[in-house]
N, C-alpha and C. Protein backbone atom coordinates (compact mmCIF):
# COMPACT_ATOMS: atom_id res chain seq x y z
N UNK A 1 2.31 -51.94 1.88
CA UNK A 1 1.70 -50.58 1.49
C UNK A 1 1.65 -49.93 1.97
N UNK A 2 1.84 -49.54 3.31
CA UNK A 2 1.86 -48.38 4.34
C UNK A 2 2.83 -48.16 4.62
N UNK A 3 4.05 -48.67 4.56
CA UNK A 3 5.63 -48.25 3.83
C UNK A 3 5.95 -47.33 2.94
N UNK A 4 4.85 -47.53 1.60
CA UNK A 4 5.58 -46.76 0.84
C UNK A 4 4.62 -45.50 -0.03
N UNK A 5 3.16 -46.09 0.81
CA UNK A 5 2.44 -45.42 0.76
C UNK A 5 2.38 -43.97 1.47
N UNK A 6 2.19 -42.55 1.38
CA UNK A 6 2.10 -41.29 2.44
C UNK A 6 0.88 -41.17 3.15
N UNK A 7 0.56 -40.97 3.92
CA UNK A 7 -1.03 -40.79 4.52
C UNK A 7 -1.74 -39.92 3.40
N UNK A 8 -0.81 -39.30 3.26
CA UNK A 8 -1.90 -37.81 2.33
C UNK A 8 -2.01 -38.31 0.94
N UNK A 9 -1.49 -39.43 0.34
CA UNK A 9 -1.89 -40.28 -0.44
C UNK A 9 -3.14 -40.57 -0.92
N UNK A 10 -3.81 -40.52 -2.10
CA UNK A 10 -4.99 -41.03 -2.52
C UNK A 10 -4.55 -42.26 -3.21
N UNK A 11 -5.57 -42.84 -3.50
CA UNK A 11 -5.47 -44.67 -3.65
C UNK A 11 -6.48 -44.93 -4.91
N UNK A 12 -6.58 -45.71 -6.19
CA UNK A 12 -7.61 -45.83 -6.71
C UNK A 12 -7.63 -47.18 -7.37
N UNK A 13 -8.33 -47.89 -7.85
CA UNK A 13 -7.52 -49.81 -8.04
C UNK A 13 -8.73 -49.63 -8.96
N UNK A 14 -8.37 -50.16 -10.52
CA UNK A 14 -8.69 -50.37 -11.64
C UNK A 14 -8.28 -52.06 -11.99
N UNK A 15 -9.16 -52.47 -12.58
CA UNK A 15 -9.26 -53.36 -13.22
C UNK A 15 -9.22 -53.46 -14.83
N UNK A 16 -8.74 -54.11 -15.57
CA UNK A 16 -8.51 -53.69 -17.28
C UNK A 16 -10.40 -54.79 -17.21
N UNK A 17 -11.16 -54.50 -18.08
CA UNK A 17 -12.01 -55.64 -17.97
C UNK A 17 -13.67 -54.75 -17.65
N UNK A 18 -12.78 -53.93 -16.33
CA UNK A 18 -14.00 -53.84 -15.45
C UNK A 18 -14.87 -52.62 -15.90
N UNK A 19 -16.05 -52.60 -16.05
CA UNK A 19 -16.46 -51.05 -17.06
C UNK A 19 -15.96 -49.58 -16.28
N UNK A 20 -15.68 -49.36 -15.05
CA UNK A 20 -15.49 -48.06 -13.93
C UNK A 20 -14.36 -49.30 -13.10
N UNK A 21 -13.84 -48.24 -12.30
CA UNK A 21 -12.88 -48.59 -11.14
C UNK A 21 -13.35 -49.39 -10.23
N UNK A 22 -12.69 -50.38 -9.45
CA UNK A 22 -13.31 -51.10 -8.25
C UNK A 22 -13.00 -50.10 -7.30
N UNK A 23 -12.67 -48.96 -7.31
CA UNK A 23 -12.47 -48.30 -5.97
C UNK A 23 -12.02 -46.57 -6.11
N UNK A 24 -12.51 -46.11 -5.93
CA UNK A 24 -12.74 -44.72 -6.58
C UNK A 24 -11.28 -43.97 -5.60
N UNK A 25 -10.61 -42.94 -6.10
CA UNK A 25 -9.98 -42.37 -4.89
C UNK A 25 -9.92 -41.85 -3.37
N UNK A 26 -9.45 -42.68 -2.65
CA UNK A 26 -9.37 -42.64 -0.95
C UNK A 26 -8.01 -42.70 -0.67
N UNK A 27 -8.48 -42.76 0.97
CA UNK A 27 -7.08 -42.81 1.56
C UNK A 27 -7.03 -43.64 2.56
N UNK A 28 -8.52 -43.89 2.75
CA UNK A 28 -8.80 -45.47 3.29
C UNK A 28 -8.28 -46.48 2.64
N UNK A 29 -6.90 -47.21 3.44
CA UNK A 29 -6.36 -48.28 2.99
C UNK A 29 -7.24 -49.44 3.28
N UNK A 30 -8.07 -49.82 4.62
CA UNK A 30 -8.88 -50.50 4.80
C UNK A 30 -9.71 -51.01 3.39
N UNK A 31 -10.26 -50.14 2.69
CA UNK A 31 -10.69 -50.07 1.69
C UNK A 31 -10.61 -50.80 0.34
N UNK A 32 -8.67 -50.08 0.41
CA UNK A 32 -7.80 -50.82 -0.43
C UNK A 32 -7.74 -52.09 -0.31
N UNK A 33 -7.39 -52.10 0.65
CA UNK A 33 -6.60 -53.69 0.86
C UNK A 33 -8.28 -54.82 0.62
N UNK A 34 -9.13 -54.51 1.30
CA UNK A 34 -10.13 -55.35 0.88
C UNK A 34 -11.05 -55.32 -0.46
N UNK A 35 -10.68 -54.30 -1.27
CA UNK A 35 -10.99 -54.52 -3.02
C UNK A 35 -9.70 -55.41 -3.66
N UNK A 36 -8.66 -54.95 -2.52
CA UNK A 36 -7.51 -55.90 -3.66
C UNK A 36 -7.92 -57.38 -3.20
N UNK A 37 -7.96 -57.75 -2.11
CA UNK A 37 -8.34 -59.17 -2.06
C UNK A 37 -9.53 -59.54 -2.39
N UNK A 38 -10.38 -59.06 -3.10
CA UNK A 38 -12.06 -59.22 -3.80
C UNK A 38 -11.30 -59.36 -5.46
N UNK A 39 -9.78 -59.17 -5.24
CA UNK A 39 -9.56 -59.40 -7.16
C UNK A 39 -9.68 -60.72 -7.59
N UNK A 40 -10.11 -61.35 -8.45
CA UNK A 40 -9.97 -62.99 -8.69
C UNK A 40 -9.09 -62.73 -9.72
N UNK A 41 -8.08 -63.94 -10.18
CA UNK A 41 -7.40 -64.19 -11.38
C UNK A 41 -8.10 -64.52 -12.38
N UNK A 42 -7.13 -64.53 -13.70
CA UNK A 42 -7.91 -64.89 -14.89
C UNK A 42 -7.11 -65.66 -16.16
N UNK A 43 -7.41 -66.12 -17.03
CA UNK A 43 -6.30 -67.11 -17.12
C UNK A 43 -5.28 -65.72 -17.90
N UNK A 44 -4.53 -66.02 -18.46
CA UNK A 44 -2.99 -65.55 -18.62
C UNK A 44 -3.82 -65.63 -20.17
N UNK A 45 -3.40 -64.20 -20.20
CA UNK A 45 -3.40 -63.26 -21.63
C UNK A 45 -2.26 -64.16 -22.70
N UNK A 46 -1.47 -64.65 -22.54
CA UNK A 46 0.26 -65.63 -23.25
C UNK A 46 -0.26 -66.96 -23.09
N UNK A 47 -1.45 -66.92 -22.64
CA UNK A 47 -1.70 -68.85 -22.67
C UNK A 47 -2.49 -69.23 -24.35
N UNK A 48 -2.68 -70.80 -24.38
CA UNK A 48 -2.99 -70.78 -25.46
C UNK A 48 -4.62 -70.77 -25.64
N UNK A 49 -5.28 -70.49 -26.07
CA UNK A 49 -5.95 -70.64 -26.49
C UNK A 49 -6.92 -71.79 -26.55
N UNK A 50 -8.37 -71.74 -25.66
CA UNK A 50 -8.97 -73.51 -25.38
C UNK A 50 -9.34 -73.67 -26.93
N UNK A 51 -9.20 -75.20 -26.59
CA UNK A 51 -8.85 -75.72 -27.40
C UNK A 51 -7.93 -76.08 -28.75
N UNK A 52 -6.93 -75.05 -28.63
CA UNK A 52 -6.06 -74.97 -29.38
C UNK A 52 -4.20 -75.03 -28.56
N UNK A 53 -3.29 -75.98 -29.86
CA UNK A 53 -2.18 -75.93 -29.66
C UNK A 53 -1.08 -74.72 -29.61
N UNK A 54 -1.47 -73.58 -30.00
CA UNK A 54 -0.46 -73.40 -30.41
C UNK A 54 -0.92 -71.57 -29.41
N UNK A 55 -0.04 -71.20 -29.07
CA UNK A 55 0.29 -69.78 -28.13
C UNK A 55 0.47 -68.90 -29.32
N UNK A 56 -0.26 -67.70 -28.30
CA UNK A 56 -0.27 -66.30 -29.21
C UNK A 56 1.22 -65.80 -29.46
N UNK A 57 1.92 -66.03 -28.76
CA UNK A 57 3.70 -65.61 -28.95
C UNK A 57 3.93 -66.65 -30.57
N UNK A 58 3.88 -68.00 -30.44
CA UNK A 58 3.71 -68.71 -31.49
C UNK A 58 3.15 -67.79 -32.94
N UNK A 59 1.88 -67.41 -32.61
CA UNK A 59 1.00 -67.04 -33.73
C UNK A 59 1.62 -65.67 -34.48
N UNK A 60 2.03 -64.77 -33.69
CA UNK A 60 2.46 -64.00 -33.91
C UNK A 60 3.97 -63.82 -34.90
N UNK A 61 5.12 -65.05 -34.47
CA UNK A 61 5.69 -65.46 -34.92
C UNK A 61 5.34 -65.68 -36.88
N UNK A 62 4.40 -66.99 -36.67
CA UNK A 62 3.72 -67.22 -38.17
C UNK A 62 3.07 -66.15 -38.78
N UNK A 63 2.32 -64.82 -37.94
CA UNK A 63 1.90 -63.51 -38.79
C UNK A 63 2.97 -62.86 -39.23
N UNK A 64 4.50 -62.97 -38.64
CA UNK A 64 5.13 -62.30 -38.64
C UNK A 64 6.02 -62.63 -40.09
N UNK A 65 6.12 -63.85 -40.55
CA UNK A 65 6.45 -64.94 -41.62
C UNK A 65 7.22 -65.54 -40.89
N UNK A 66 7.55 -65.61 -40.05
CA UNK A 66 8.32 -66.70 -39.98
C UNK A 66 8.16 -68.21 -40.44
N UNK A 67 9.32 -68.46 -41.46
CA UNK A 67 8.92 -69.75 -41.89
C UNK A 67 9.09 -70.69 -41.16
N UNK A 68 10.04 -70.78 -40.03
CA UNK A 68 10.25 -72.15 -39.50
C UNK A 68 9.02 -72.40 -38.11
N UNK A 69 8.71 -71.31 -38.07
CA UNK A 69 7.22 -71.32 -36.50
C UNK A 69 5.98 -72.01 -37.64
N UNK A 70 6.06 -71.30 -38.68
CA UNK A 70 4.74 -71.87 -39.58
C UNK A 70 4.98 -73.59 -39.95
N UNK A 71 5.88 -73.76 -40.59
CA UNK A 71 6.63 -74.98 -40.49
C UNK A 71 6.28 -76.06 -39.59
N UNK A 72 6.88 -75.82 -38.37
CA UNK A 72 6.48 -76.53 -37.18
C UNK A 72 5.59 -76.56 -36.61
N UNK A 73 3.86 -75.51 -36.52
CA UNK A 73 2.75 -75.99 -36.61
C UNK A 73 2.20 -76.27 -37.20
N UNK A 74 2.41 -76.75 -38.54
CA UNK A 74 2.15 -77.41 -39.55
C UNK A 74 1.91 -78.84 -39.68
N UNK A 75 3.87 -79.09 -39.22
CA UNK A 75 4.01 -80.56 -38.66
C UNK A 75 3.39 -80.60 -37.55
N UNK A 76 3.05 -79.80 -36.67
CA UNK A 76 2.48 -80.35 -35.81
C UNK A 76 0.75 -81.26 -35.87
N UNK A 77 -0.05 -80.37 -36.55
CA UNK A 77 -1.63 -80.40 -37.09
C UNK A 77 -1.14 -81.99 -38.16
N UNK A 78 -0.09 -82.14 -38.78
CA UNK A 78 0.06 -83.25 -39.35
C UNK A 78 0.21 -84.60 -38.61
N UNK A 79 0.69 -84.18 -37.35
CA UNK A 79 0.77 -85.61 -36.91
C UNK A 79 0.36 -85.64 -35.59
N UNK A 80 -1.18 -85.06 -35.60
CA UNK A 80 -2.01 -85.49 -34.22
C UNK A 80 -2.88 -86.52 -34.99
N UNK A 81 -3.49 -87.59 -34.36
CA UNK A 81 -4.29 -88.23 -34.29
C UNK A 81 -5.13 -88.06 -35.27
N UNK A 82 -5.54 -88.99 -36.54
CA UNK A 82 -6.45 -88.76 -37.23
C UNK A 82 -6.94 -87.53 -37.98
N UNK A 83 -5.27 -86.82 -38.17
CA UNK A 83 -5.62 -85.48 -39.11
C UNK A 83 -5.97 -86.00 -40.44
N UNK A 84 -6.69 -85.06 -41.22
CA UNK A 84 -6.99 -85.14 -42.67
C UNK A 84 -5.85 -84.50 -43.58
N UNK A 85 -4.55 -83.89 -42.71
CA UNK A 85 -3.66 -83.64 -43.67
C UNK A 85 -2.80 -84.14 -44.26
N UNK A 86 -2.73 -85.16 -44.36
CA UNK A 86 -1.53 -85.97 -44.57
C UNK A 86 -1.50 -85.69 -45.92
N UNK A 87 -0.23 -86.15 -46.28
CA UNK A 87 -0.35 -86.25 -48.42
C UNK A 87 -0.70 -87.05 -48.72
N UNK A 88 -1.41 -86.45 -49.90
CA UNK A 88 -2.62 -87.20 -50.96
C UNK A 88 -3.95 -87.72 -50.50
N UNK A 89 -4.34 -87.15 -49.25
CA UNK A 89 -5.55 -86.92 -48.87
C UNK A 89 -6.49 -85.71 -49.83
N UNK A 90 -7.68 -86.14 -50.29
CA UNK A 90 -8.65 -84.78 -50.83
C UNK A 90 -8.66 -83.76 -49.97
N UNK A 91 -8.63 -83.74 -48.59
CA UNK A 91 -8.08 -82.08 -48.09
C UNK A 91 -6.86 -81.64 -48.79
N UNK A 92 -5.96 -82.58 -48.13
CA UNK A 92 -4.70 -81.72 -48.21
C UNK A 92 -4.36 -81.29 -49.94
N UNK A 93 -5.17 -81.72 -51.42
CA UNK A 93 -4.94 -81.96 -52.50
C UNK A 93 -5.86 -80.09 -52.81
N UNK A 94 -6.87 -80.33 -52.19
CA UNK A 94 -7.87 -79.28 -52.67
C UNK A 94 -6.87 -78.20 -52.47
N UNK A 95 -6.77 -77.92 -50.97
CA UNK A 95 -6.14 -77.07 -49.86
C UNK A 95 -4.56 -76.24 -50.50
N UNK A 96 -4.20 -77.32 -51.08
CA UNK A 96 -2.98 -76.88 -51.38
C UNK A 96 -2.38 -76.49 -52.71
N UNK A 97 -3.60 -76.03 -53.31
CA UNK A 97 -3.94 -75.45 -54.14
C UNK A 97 -3.52 -73.57 -54.76
N UNK A 98 -4.34 -73.65 -53.59
CA UNK A 98 -4.28 -71.67 -53.27
C UNK A 98 -3.49 -71.62 -51.89
N UNK A 99 -3.48 -70.45 -52.19
CA UNK A 99 -2.68 -69.89 -50.67
C UNK A 99 -0.81 -69.59 -50.85
N UNK A 100 -0.43 -68.33 -49.91
CA UNK A 100 1.10 -68.20 -50.05
C UNK A 100 1.63 -69.31 -49.03
N UNK A 101 2.35 -70.31 -49.00
CA UNK A 101 3.21 -71.03 -48.55
C UNK A 101 4.09 -71.48 -48.33
N UNK A 102 4.84 -71.90 -47.90
CA UNK A 102 6.33 -72.10 -48.07
C UNK A 102 6.73 -73.08 -49.80
N UNK A 103 7.32 -72.32 -50.12
CA UNK A 103 7.67 -73.54 -51.46
C UNK A 103 8.48 -74.61 -51.18
N UNK A 104 8.35 -75.96 -51.93
CA UNK A 104 8.86 -77.33 -51.37
C UNK A 104 8.26 -77.90 -50.66
N UNK A 105 6.98 -77.89 -50.18
CA UNK A 105 6.23 -78.84 -49.38
C UNK A 105 5.05 -79.33 -49.93
N UNK A 106 5.00 -80.82 -49.61
CA UNK A 106 4.55 -81.52 -50.30
C UNK A 106 2.58 -81.03 -49.94
N UNK A 107 1.87 -81.70 -51.23
CA UNK A 107 0.76 -80.99 -50.55
C UNK A 107 -0.32 -80.99 -49.12
N UNK A 108 0.26 -82.52 -48.36
CA UNK A 108 -0.44 -82.44 -46.71
C UNK A 108 0.23 -81.37 -46.10
N UNK A 109 1.42 -81.05 -46.84
CA UNK A 109 2.28 -80.11 -45.44
C UNK A 109 1.83 -78.35 -45.75
N UNK A 110 1.40 -78.31 -47.30
CA UNK A 110 0.95 -77.07 -47.67
C UNK A 110 -0.43 -76.87 -47.15
N UNK A 111 -1.44 -77.85 -47.09
CA UNK A 111 -2.70 -78.07 -46.45
C UNK A 111 -2.46 -76.91 -45.39
N UNK A 112 -1.87 -78.25 -44.37
CA UNK A 112 -1.59 -77.73 -42.75
C UNK A 112 -0.89 -76.97 -42.48
N UNK A 113 -0.11 -76.14 -43.79
CA UNK A 113 0.91 -74.43 -43.17
C UNK A 113 -0.53 -73.71 -43.72
N UNK A 114 -1.57 -73.90 -44.10
CA UNK A 114 -2.41 -73.06 -44.44
C UNK A 114 -3.35 -72.90 -43.23
N UNK A 115 -3.92 -74.22 -42.94
CA UNK A 115 -4.23 -74.43 -41.50
C UNK A 115 -4.01 -73.46 -40.23
N UNK A 116 -2.65 -73.52 -40.47
CA UNK A 116 -1.43 -72.78 -38.96
C UNK A 116 -1.82 -71.19 -39.32
N UNK A 117 -2.01 -70.60 -40.63
CA UNK A 117 -1.69 -69.51 -40.84
C UNK A 117 -3.42 -68.93 -39.99
N UNK A 118 -4.88 -69.72 -40.51
CA UNK A 118 -5.61 -69.46 -39.97
C UNK A 118 -5.67 -69.49 -38.65
N UNK A 119 -5.19 -70.94 -37.69
CA UNK A 119 -5.31 -70.54 -36.13
C UNK A 119 -4.31 -69.75 -36.27
N UNK A 120 -3.73 -69.14 -36.33
CA UNK A 120 -2.16 -68.35 -35.78
C UNK A 120 -3.49 -67.44 -35.87
N UNK A 121 -3.86 -66.53 -36.92
CA UNK A 121 -4.81 -65.32 -37.11
C UNK A 121 -6.10 -65.34 -35.73
N UNK A 122 -6.71 -66.78 -35.70
CA UNK A 122 -8.12 -66.69 -34.54
C UNK A 122 -6.55 -66.55 -33.02
N UNK A 123 -5.58 -67.22 -32.87
CA UNK A 123 -5.07 -67.41 -32.11
C UNK A 123 -4.98 -65.94 -31.45
N UNK A 124 -4.40 -65.11 -32.30
CA UNK A 124 -3.27 -63.53 -31.89
C UNK A 124 -4.81 -63.12 -31.89
N UNK A 125 -5.35 -62.96 -32.68
CA UNK A 125 -7.02 -61.95 -33.03
C UNK A 125 -7.10 -61.88 -31.23
N UNK A 126 -7.45 -63.21 -30.69
CA UNK A 126 -8.28 -63.19 -29.22
C UNK A 126 -7.16 -62.62 -28.10
N UNK A 127 -5.73 -63.16 -28.67
CA UNK A 127 -4.79 -62.57 -27.73
C UNK A 127 -5.10 -60.71 -27.39
N UNK A 128 -5.01 -60.53 -29.05
CA UNK A 128 -4.88 -58.88 -29.14
C UNK A 128 -5.92 -58.25 -28.54
N UNK A 129 -7.21 -58.78 -28.22
CA UNK A 129 -8.35 -58.44 -27.86
C UNK A 129 -8.32 -58.03 -26.30
N UNK A 130 -7.95 -58.71 -25.85
CA UNK A 130 -7.46 -58.91 -24.25
C UNK A 130 -6.24 -57.68 -24.18
N UNK A 131 -5.39 -57.53 -24.83
CA UNK A 131 -4.16 -56.49 -24.57
C UNK A 131 -4.72 -55.06 -24.80
N UNK A 132 -5.66 -54.61 -26.00
CA UNK A 132 -6.27 -53.82 -26.35
C UNK A 132 -6.93 -53.49 -25.06
N UNK A 133 -7.64 -54.03 -24.42
CA UNK A 133 -8.66 -53.41 -23.69
C UNK A 133 -7.71 -53.11 -21.91
N UNK A 134 -6.46 -53.87 -22.15
CA UNK A 134 -5.29 -53.48 -20.88
C UNK A 134 -4.97 -51.99 -21.55
N UNK A 135 -4.41 -52.03 -22.42
CA UNK A 135 -3.99 -51.08 -22.84
C UNK A 135 -5.28 -49.71 -22.67
N UNK A 136 -6.48 -49.60 -23.19
CA UNK A 136 -7.46 -48.44 -23.65
C UNK A 136 -7.73 -48.23 -21.72
N UNK A 137 -7.40 -49.22 -20.86
CA UNK A 137 -7.69 -48.53 -19.42
C UNK A 137 -6.88 -48.25 -19.05
N UNK A 138 -5.60 -48.23 -19.44
CA UNK A 138 -4.18 -47.75 -18.80
C UNK A 138 -4.01 -46.49 -19.18
N UNK A 139 -4.71 -46.09 -20.64
CA UNK A 139 -4.40 -45.07 -20.91
C UNK A 139 -6.20 -44.03 -19.82
N UNK A 140 -6.84 -44.52 -20.26
CA UNK A 140 -8.13 -43.69 -19.46
C UNK A 140 -7.44 -43.39 -18.37
N UNK A 141 -6.62 -44.25 -17.12
CA UNK A 141 -6.49 -44.00 -16.14
C UNK A 141 -5.74 -42.80 -16.10
N UNK A 142 -4.49 -42.85 -16.97
CA UNK A 142 -3.74 -41.88 -16.57
C UNK A 142 -4.09 -40.46 -17.39
N UNK A 143 -5.13 -40.47 -18.40
CA UNK A 143 -6.14 -39.20 -18.79
C UNK A 143 -6.91 -38.77 -17.58
N UNK A 144 -7.33 -39.53 -16.70
CA UNK A 144 -7.78 -38.69 -15.81
C UNK A 144 -7.56 -38.41 -14.77
N UNK A 145 -6.07 -38.66 -14.66
CA UNK A 145 -4.98 -38.07 -13.72
C UNK A 145 -4.51 -36.50 -14.26
N UNK A 146 -5.16 -36.38 -15.45
CA UNK A 146 -4.10 -35.22 -15.74
C UNK A 146 -4.55 -33.95 -14.91
N UNK A 147 -5.77 -33.76 -14.29
CA UNK A 147 -6.47 -32.81 -13.79
C UNK A 147 -5.54 -32.46 -11.89
N UNK A 148 -5.36 -33.91 -11.81
CA UNK A 148 -4.78 -33.60 -10.58
C UNK A 148 -3.44 -33.66 -10.09
N UNK A 149 -3.51 -32.62 -8.84
CA UNK A 149 -1.93 -32.28 -8.60
C UNK A 149 -0.97 -33.21 -7.76
N UNK A 150 0.10 -32.80 -7.70
CA UNK A 150 0.94 -33.83 -7.03
C UNK A 150 1.30 -34.47 -7.84
N UNK A 151 2.14 -35.97 -6.71
CA UNK A 151 2.67 -37.12 -7.86
C UNK A 151 2.17 -37.83 -8.70
N UNK A 152 2.04 -38.63 -9.17
CA UNK A 152 0.97 -39.36 -10.09
C UNK A 152 2.09 -40.31 -10.36
N UNK A 153 1.67 -41.49 -9.28
CA UNK A 153 1.88 -42.84 -10.15
C UNK A 153 1.20 -43.97 -10.47
N UNK A 154 1.37 -44.56 -11.21
CA UNK A 154 0.36 -45.90 -11.83
C UNK A 154 0.79 -46.83 -12.00
N UNK A 155 0.72 -47.64 -11.53
CA UNK A 155 1.64 -49.35 -11.01
C UNK A 155 0.49 -50.32 -11.56
N UNK A 156 1.58 -50.92 -12.95
CA UNK A 156 0.59 -51.87 -13.68
C UNK A 156 0.67 -53.26 -13.37
N UNK A 157 0.27 -54.05 -12.62
CA UNK A 157 0.28 -55.28 -12.37
C UNK A 157 -0.28 -56.17 -13.81
N UNK A 158 0.73 -56.75 -14.38
CA UNK A 158 0.30 -58.06 -15.58
C UNK A 158 1.18 -59.13 -15.90
N UNK A 159 0.61 -60.39 -16.76
CA UNK A 159 1.37 -61.52 -16.72
C UNK A 159 1.91 -60.57 -17.99
N UNK A 160 1.74 -59.75 -18.74
CA UNK A 160 2.62 -59.60 -20.51
C UNK A 160 1.25 -59.53 -21.41
N UNK A 161 1.35 -58.62 -22.25
CA UNK A 161 0.57 -58.96 -23.27
C UNK A 161 1.04 -58.41 -24.73
N UNK A 162 0.59 -59.46 -25.54
CA UNK A 162 1.14 -58.84 -27.19
C UNK A 162 0.58 -57.36 -27.78
N UNK A 163 1.50 -57.15 -28.37
CA UNK A 163 0.86 -56.17 -29.43
C UNK A 163 0.97 -56.47 -31.22
N UNK A 164 1.37 -57.26 -31.33
CA UNK A 164 1.42 -57.89 -32.94
C UNK A 164 2.13 -57.24 -34.02
N UNK A 165 3.44 -56.83 -32.87
CA UNK A 165 4.38 -56.26 -33.99
C UNK A 165 4.79 -56.91 -34.82
N UNK A 166 4.92 -56.58 -36.35
CA UNK A 166 4.88 -56.96 -37.67
C UNK A 166 3.71 -57.45 -38.49
N UNK A 167 3.55 -57.91 -37.85
CA UNK A 167 1.33 -58.72 -38.43
C UNK A 167 0.94 -57.39 -38.89
N UNK A 168 -0.31 -57.50 -39.66
CA UNK A 168 -1.48 -57.02 -40.14
C UNK A 168 -2.23 -56.74 -38.68
N UNK A 169 -2.19 -57.34 -37.37
CA UNK A 169 -3.15 -56.88 -36.33
C UNK A 169 -2.36 -56.18 -35.27
N UNK A 170 -1.20 -55.34 -35.95
CA UNK A 170 -0.38 -54.96 -35.30
C UNK A 170 -0.88 -53.69 -34.10
N UNK A 171 -0.42 -53.27 -32.98
CA UNK A 171 -1.31 -52.58 -32.63
C UNK A 171 0.07 -51.75 -31.19
N UNK A 172 0.88 -51.54 -32.14
CA UNK A 172 1.80 -50.94 -31.19
C UNK A 172 1.26 -49.63 -31.00
N UNK A 173 0.52 -48.73 -31.79
CA UNK A 173 -0.13 -47.55 -32.01
C UNK A 173 -0.79 -47.33 -30.41
N UNK A 174 -1.25 -48.45 -29.93
CA UNK A 174 -1.95 -47.96 -28.51
C UNK A 174 -0.43 -48.21 -27.61
N UNK A 175 0.04 -48.64 -27.38
CA UNK A 175 1.56 -48.05 -26.57
C UNK A 175 2.22 -46.95 -26.44
N UNK A 176 2.02 -45.93 -27.81
CA UNK A 176 2.33 -44.77 -27.90
C UNK A 176 0.91 -43.30 -27.16
N UNK A 177 -0.44 -44.21 -27.96
CA UNK A 177 -1.33 -43.36 -27.11
C UNK A 177 -1.26 -43.40 -25.47
N UNK A 178 -0.82 -44.91 -25.66
CA UNK A 178 -0.58 -44.80 -23.54
C UNK A 178 0.95 -43.81 -22.75
N UNK A 179 1.86 -44.01 -23.92
CA UNK A 179 3.00 -42.92 -23.73
C UNK A 179 2.57 -41.54 -23.45
N UNK A 180 2.09 -41.30 -24.45
CA UNK A 180 1.42 -39.57 -24.61
C UNK A 180 0.40 -39.82 -23.74
N UNK A 181 -0.19 -40.66 -23.26
CA UNK A 181 -1.26 -39.95 -22.00
C UNK A 181 -0.51 -39.86 -20.62
N UNK A 182 1.00 -40.66 -20.50
CA UNK A 182 1.75 -40.65 -19.31
C UNK A 182 1.85 -38.90 -19.30
N UNK A 183 2.69 -38.52 -20.44
CA UNK A 183 3.36 -37.32 -20.80
C UNK A 183 1.98 -36.30 -20.54
N UNK A 184 0.82 -36.24 -20.53
CA UNK A 184 0.21 -35.78 -20.82
C UNK A 184 -0.12 -35.13 -19.17
N UNK A 185 -0.29 -36.12 -18.75
CA UNK A 185 -0.69 -36.30 -17.16
C UNK A 185 0.46 -35.95 -15.97
N UNK A 186 1.43 -36.00 -16.46
CA UNK A 186 2.65 -35.96 -15.45
C UNK A 186 2.44 -37.16 -14.79
N UNK A 187 2.42 -38.58 -15.66
CA UNK A 187 2.24 -39.32 -14.25
C UNK A 187 3.44 -40.29 -14.63
N UNK A 188 4.54 -41.40 -13.74
CA UNK A 188 4.97 -41.85 -14.46
C UNK A 188 4.32 -43.71 -14.05
N UNK A 189 4.74 -44.23 -14.93
CA UNK A 189 4.06 -45.91 -15.31
C UNK A 189 4.65 -46.98 -15.02
N UNK A 190 4.27 -48.00 -13.75
CA UNK A 190 5.49 -48.61 -13.21
C UNK A 190 5.20 -50.53 -13.50
N UNK A 191 5.86 -51.12 -13.83
CA UNK A 191 5.44 -52.33 -14.25
C UNK A 191 5.87 -53.55 -13.68
N UNK A 192 4.94 -54.19 -13.16
CA UNK A 192 4.89 -55.64 -12.34
C UNK A 192 4.86 -56.78 -13.38
N UNK A 193 5.12 -57.68 -12.97
CA UNK A 193 4.97 -59.14 -13.58
C UNK A 193 4.53 -59.81 -12.14
N UNK A 194 2.72 -59.78 -12.26
CA UNK A 194 2.51 -60.47 -11.91
C UNK A 194 2.71 -62.15 -12.03
N UNK A 195 3.07 -62.75 -12.77
CA UNK A 195 3.57 -64.06 -12.60
C UNK A 195 4.90 -64.79 -11.32
N UNK A 196 5.16 -62.93 -11.22
CA UNK A 196 6.67 -63.73 -9.93
C UNK A 196 5.71 -62.61 -8.57
N UNK A 197 4.63 -62.47 -8.67
CA UNK A 197 3.73 -62.84 -7.00
C UNK A 197 3.36 -63.69 -6.50
N UNK A 198 3.98 -63.72 -5.04
CA UNK A 198 2.57 -64.54 -4.56
C UNK A 198 1.88 -64.47 -3.88
N UNK A 199 0.50 -64.92 -4.28
CA UNK A 199 -0.55 -64.75 -3.42
C UNK A 199 -0.40 -64.63 -1.76
N UNK A 200 -1.29 -63.75 -1.03
CA UNK A 200 -1.56 -63.59 0.29
C UNK A 200 -1.61 -65.23 0.88
N UNK A 201 -1.06 -65.73 2.10
CA UNK A 201 -1.19 -66.56 2.14
C UNK A 201 -0.52 -67.95 2.20
N UNK A 202 -0.27 -67.92 0.79
CA UNK A 202 0.72 -69.03 0.16
C UNK A 202 2.08 -69.02 1.11
N UNK A 203 2.64 -70.76 1.05
CA UNK A 203 3.35 -70.96 1.36
C UNK A 203 4.78 -70.53 0.76
């Protein structure tokens, strides 16, 4: 850090989800290092939801209308031990009568497809909630930099997030909002994939 940051540069540390910055603008490098060391890791924003086999990326494909992804998810549900979504089951017969699902499927497959669509909505909604929180935090930081003179850089450490492009839950407008905030504040945003970082002290 000392090699990349000039002595006169001020640093602020902000964590998404925190009610306020973890560290206000300061030139004290020791305080910055200490604050960084106190940041804990969190579950990946693109990991599967707890208790669900579907990942947010798969959910996004399904809600985008990808029929192959939907069929694969439906087949996975049907193959689960003890599944009630089998051809001829009462649940399959009832659920397959309604809903927009791929043509040419038997009742069990149609019911499983509907269940997969419901699961995709829940999984993607959870992932987008984290994405929205992250983007709004970045937007707030950038707008807060607008009144400061000199060069302004924002380093975003993230393991990635979805915006639900092409789905009814799309959040691409937030990306445009962040771009606008960066332009108005004269700041440059650099993104760094946290999955490629080695923790301090790791072998």
